[in-house]
Protein backbone atom coordinates (compact mmCIF):
# COMPACT_ATOMS: atom_id res chain seq x y z
CA MET A 1 89.52 109.89 98.87
CA ALA A 2 91.62 108.79 95.88
CA LEU A 3 94.79 109.08 97.95
CA ILE A 4 93.34 106.77 100.60
CA GLN A 5 92.37 104.21 97.95
CA GLN A 6 95.82 104.44 96.42
CA ALA A 7 97.42 103.81 99.79
CA LYS A 8 95.34 100.66 100.23
CA ILE A 9 96.74 99.09 97.07
CA ILE A 10 100.21 100.62 97.04
CA ASP A 11 101.84 97.17 97.07
CA VAL A 12 99.75 95.70 94.25
CA PRO A 13 101.46 96.51 90.94
CA VAL A 14 99.50 98.12 88.13
CA PRO A 15 101.17 97.93 84.70
CA LEU A 16 102.16 101.09 82.86
CA GLY A 17 99.95 101.99 79.93
CA VAL A 18 96.69 100.57 81.27
CA VAL A 19 93.41 102.44 80.91
CA LEU A 20 91.57 102.65 84.23
CA ASP A 21 87.86 101.87 84.03
CA PRO A 22 85.80 103.74 86.64
CA VAL A 23 82.86 101.36 86.05
CA LEU A 24 84.97 98.48 87.39
CA ALA A 25 86.27 100.43 90.41
CA SER A 26 84.93 100.35 93.95
CA ASP A 27 86.22 100.95 97.47
CA VAL A 28 87.98 97.57 97.37
CA SER A 29 88.78 97.02 93.69
CA VAL A 30 90.40 98.57 90.66
CA GLY A 31 89.60 97.65 87.08
CA TYR A 32 91.44 98.50 83.91
CA HIS A 33 91.93 97.53 80.29
CA TRP A 34 95.33 96.34 79.10
CA ASN A 35 96.12 95.41 75.52
CA VAL A 36 98.02 92.15 76.17
CA THR A 37 97.11 88.47 76.08
CA ALA A 38 95.73 86.79 79.19
CA GLY A 39 98.90 84.68 79.32
CA ASP A 40 101.13 87.76 79.26
CA ALA A 41 99.02 89.41 81.97
CA ALA A 42 99.26 86.31 84.17
CA ALA A 43 103.04 86.13 83.63
CA TYR A 44 103.34 89.80 84.61
CA TYR A 45 101.48 89.23 87.89
CA HIS A 46 103.40 86.05 88.72
CA LEU A 47 106.65 88.00 88.48
CA GLU A 48 105.63 91.39 89.87
CA MET A 49 103.54 90.19 92.81
CA ALA A 50 106.47 88.06 94.04
CA GLN A 51 108.70 91.14 93.89
CA PHE A 52 106.19 92.99 96.07
CA GLY A 53 106.29 90.17 98.64
CA TRP A 54 103.06 88.39 97.66
CA ARG A 55 102.88 84.57 97.58
CA LEU A 56 100.71 82.80 94.99
CA VAL A 57 98.35 80.47 96.88
CA ASP A 58 95.88 79.48 94.17
CA GLN A 59 95.22 79.82 90.47
CA PHE A 60 92.15 78.96 88.41
CA THR A 61 91.89 78.95 84.64
CA GLY A 62 88.62 78.97 82.75
CA PRO A 63 86.72 81.68 80.90
CA GLU A 64 88.82 84.02 83.03
CA GLU A 65 92.03 83.49 84.95
CA LEU A 66 92.00 84.04 88.69
CA LEU A 67 95.22 84.46 90.65
CA VAL A 68 95.07 84.53 94.47
CA PHE A 69 98.01 85.94 96.41
CA GLU A 70 98.61 86.29 100.15
CA LYS A 71 100.76 88.23 102.57
CA PRO A 72 100.47 87.98 106.34
CA TYR A 73 96.96 89.16 107.24
CA ARG A 74 96.10 90.13 103.66
CA SER A 75 95.01 88.56 100.41
CA VAL A 76 94.29 89.77 96.91
CA ALA A 77 92.53 88.14 93.97
CA ILE A 78 93.40 89.20 90.44
CA SER A 79 90.88 88.37 87.75
CA ILE A 80 92.16 88.40 84.15
CA ARG A 81 89.30 88.51 81.68
CA PRO A 82 89.52 88.51 77.90
CA GLY A 83 88.73 91.83 76.29
CA GLN A 84 85.93 92.53 73.91
CA GLN A 85 87.04 92.45 70.30
């Protein structure tokens, strides 16, 4: 089943060096911990998602940052949450 899940998100970049969190994973989501600032994470996704052909359609900033990208017939939301210190 992991190969099928990987194929579903093959065009959504995942940074090197992240620690996957199985508690945050489901059939339609992946969660991980990454030791960077929220601003650096958002900058990474702005750049990398465009290179994978995604178009930013909305962005919300508050206690967490939410980036919404689209491709024809598909969309993805990326939630950037501050880590626990």
